[in-house]
Amino acid sequence: MTTTNAELTIHERQTVPVHVCLDADIVERFLKTGPDWGRRINAALRDWLKTHSPHEIQL
């Protein structure tokens, strides 16, 4: 039986280590949330992607 990504829990999803540059104020706000702040950034991005597309962002 094949499991789709949608069927996986957040703890079972495969993660990929990446290096990104974030604004200092963004990092500070997430750091204040304590351990696992990086996972919270991931969760925030995942939640945003439910209603948006990365193509919407104007750089």
N, C-alpha and C. Protein backbone atom coordinates (compact mmCIF):
# COMPACT_ATOMS: atom_id res chain seq x y z
N MET A 1 0.85 -1.18 0.00
CA MET A 1 0.00 0.00 0.00
C MET A 1 0.89 1.24 0.00
N THR A 2 0.66 2.17 -0.90
CA THR A 2 1.44 3.39 -0.99
C THR A 2 0.77 4.49 -0.17
N THR A 3 1.56 5.21 0.60
CA THR A 3 1.06 6.30 1.41
C THR A 3 1.37 7.61 0.72
N THR A 4 0.37 8.46 0.56
CA THR A 4 0.60 9.77 -0.06
C THR A 4 1.06 10.75 1.00
N ASN A 5 1.68 11.86 0.56
CA ASN A 5 2.14 12.88 1.48
C ASN A 5 1.00 13.45 2.31
N ALA A 6 -0.19 13.54 1.73
CA ALA A 6 -1.34 14.08 2.44
C ALA A 6 -1.75 13.19 3.61
N GLU A 7 -1.44 11.90 3.51
CA GLU A 7 -1.82 10.95 4.56
C GLU A 7 -0.80 10.91 5.70
N LEU A 8 0.35 11.49 5.50
CA LEU A 8 1.39 11.46 6.52
C LEU A 8 1.13 12.51 7.58
N THR A 9 1.46 12.18 8.83
CA THR A 9 1.36 13.19 9.88
C THR A 9 2.57 14.10 9.78
N ILE A 10 2.54 15.22 10.48
CA ILE A 10 3.65 16.17 10.41
C ILE A 10 4.96 15.53 10.86
N HIS A 11 4.90 14.55 11.75
CA HIS A 11 6.11 13.91 12.25
C HIS A 11 6.67 12.87 11.27
N GLU A 12 5.84 12.41 10.33
CA GLU A 12 6.27 11.39 9.38
C GLU A 12 6.77 11.98 8.06
N ARG A 13 6.52 13.27 7.83
CA ARG A 13 6.94 13.89 6.57
C ARG A 13 8.46 13.95 6.53
N GLN A 14 8.99 13.73 5.36
CA GLN A 14 10.43 13.82 5.18
C GLN A 14 10.83 15.28 5.16
N THR A 15 11.88 15.63 5.87
CA THR A 15 12.37 17.00 5.88
C THR A 15 13.66 17.08 5.08
N VAL A 16 13.92 18.25 4.56
CA VAL A 16 15.12 18.50 3.77
C VAL A 16 15.83 19.70 4.40
N PRO A 17 17.07 19.52 4.84
CA PRO A 17 17.78 20.66 5.42
C PRO A 17 18.09 21.70 4.33
N VAL A 18 17.79 22.95 4.62
CA VAL A 18 18.04 24.04 3.67
C VAL A 18 18.64 25.23 4.42
N HIS A 19 19.27 26.10 3.68
CA HIS A 19 19.80 27.35 4.24
C HIS A 19 19.03 28.48 3.58
N VAL A 20 18.34 29.28 4.39
CA VAL A 20 17.61 30.43 3.87
C VAL A 20 17.98 31.66 4.69
N CYS A 21 17.90 32.80 4.08
CA CYS A 21 18.12 34.07 4.79
C CYS A 21 16.76 34.68 5.09
N LEU A 22 16.52 34.93 6.36
CA LEU A 22 15.25 35.52 6.80
C LEU A 22 15.52 36.86 7.46
N ASP A 23 14.55 37.74 7.44
CA ASP A 23 14.68 39.02 8.12
C ASP A 23 14.85 38.78 9.62
N ALA A 24 15.68 39.61 10.24
CA ALA A 24 16.01 39.45 11.66
C ALA A 24 14.77 39.49 12.55
N ASP A 25 13.81 40.36 12.23
CA ASP A 25 12.62 40.46 13.07
C ASP A 25 11.76 39.21 12.99
N ILE A 26 11.74 38.55 11.84
CA ILE A 26 10.99 37.30 11.70
C ILE A 26 11.63 36.21 12.55
N VAL A 27 12.95 36.08 12.45
CA VAL A 27 13.67 35.07 13.23
C VAL A 27 13.48 35.33 14.72
N GLU A 28 13.58 36.59 15.13
CA GLU A 28 13.43 36.94 16.54
C GLU A 28 12.07 36.52 17.09
N ARG A 29 11.03 36.78 16.30
CA ARG A 29 9.68 36.41 16.77
C ARG A 29 9.52 34.91 16.92
N PHE A 30 10.08 34.14 15.99
CA PHE A 30 9.98 32.68 16.09
C PHE A 30 10.89 32.14 17.19
N LEU A 31 12.09 32.72 17.36
CA LEU A 31 12.99 32.28 18.43
C LEU A 31 12.34 32.44 19.80
N LYS A 32 11.56 33.49 19.97
CA LYS A 32 10.89 33.74 21.25
C LYS A 32 9.87 32.66 21.59
N THR A 33 9.46 31.86 20.61
CA THR A 33 8.48 30.80 20.87
C THR A 33 9.12 29.57 21.50
N GLY A 34 10.46 29.55 21.59
CA GLY A 34 11.16 28.45 22.25
C GLY A 34 11.63 27.37 21.30
N PRO A 35 11.97 26.21 21.89
CA PRO A 35 12.46 25.10 21.07
C PRO A 35 11.49 24.76 19.94
N ASP A 36 12.05 24.22 18.87
CA ASP A 36 11.27 23.84 17.69
C ASP A 36 10.75 25.04 16.91
N TRP A 37 11.38 26.20 17.08
CA TRP A 37 10.94 27.38 16.35
C TRP A 37 11.04 27.17 14.84
N GLY A 38 12.01 26.41 14.38
CA GLY A 38 12.14 26.13 12.95
C GLY A 38 10.96 25.32 12.43
N ARG A 39 10.47 24.41 13.25
CA ARG A 39 9.30 23.63 12.85
C ARG A 39 8.06 24.51 12.77
N ARG A 40 8.01 25.54 13.63
CA ARG A 40 6.87 26.47 13.57
C ARG A 40 6.92 27.32 12.30
N ILE A 41 8.13 27.71 11.87
CA ILE A 41 8.25 28.42 10.60
C ILE A 41 7.74 27.52 9.47
N ASN A 42 8.12 26.27 9.48
CA ASN A 42 7.65 25.32 8.47
C ASN A 42 6.12 25.21 8.50
N ALA A 43 5.56 25.12 9.71
CA ALA A 43 4.10 25.02 9.85
C ALA A 43 3.42 26.28 9.34
N ALA A 44 4.01 27.44 9.60
CA ALA A 44 3.43 28.70 9.12
C ALA A 44 3.44 28.74 7.59
N LEU A 45 4.53 28.31 6.99
CA LEU A 45 4.60 28.27 5.53
C LEU A 45 3.59 27.28 4.96
N ARG A 46 3.48 26.12 5.58
CA ARG A 46 2.52 25.11 5.11
C ARG A 46 1.09 25.65 5.19
N ASP A 47 0.77 26.34 6.29
CA ASP A 47 -0.57 26.91 6.46
C ASP A 47 -0.83 27.98 5.40
N TRP A 48 0.16 28.83 5.12
CA TRP A 48 0.01 29.89 4.11
C TRP A 48 -0.23 29.27 2.74
N LEU A 49 0.46 28.18 2.44
CA LEU A 49 0.32 27.55 1.13
C LEU A 49 -1.05 26.91 0.90
N LYS A 50 -1.83 26.74 1.96
CA LYS A 50 -3.18 26.19 1.80
C LYS A 50 -4.07 27.15 1.00
N THR A 51 -3.78 28.45 1.08
CA THR A 51 -4.64 29.44 0.44
C THR A 51 -3.90 30.35 -0.53
N HIS A 52 -2.61 30.12 -0.72
CA HIS A 52 -1.81 30.97 -1.60
C HIS A 52 -0.88 30.13 -2.47
N SER A 53 -0.31 30.79 -3.46
CA SER A 53 0.70 30.16 -4.30
C SER A 53 1.99 30.96 -4.17
N PRO A 54 3.15 30.30 -4.18
CA PRO A 54 4.40 31.04 -4.13
C PRO A 54 4.54 32.02 -5.28
N HIS A 55 3.84 31.77 -6.38
CA HIS A 55 3.91 32.66 -7.53
C HIS A 55 3.25 34.02 -7.26
N GLU A 56 2.45 34.12 -6.20
CA GLU A 56 1.78 35.37 -5.85
C GLU A 56 2.76 36.41 -5.29
N ILE A 57 3.87 35.96 -4.76
CA ILE A 57 4.79 36.85 -4.06
C ILE A 57 5.57 37.71 -5.04
N GLN A 58 5.51 39.00 -4.82
CA GLN A 58 6.25 39.96 -5.64
C GLN A 58 7.56 40.27 -4.92
N LEU A 59 8.68 40.02 -5.56
CA LEU A 59 9.98 40.31 -4.95
C LEU A 59 10.54 41.60 -5.49
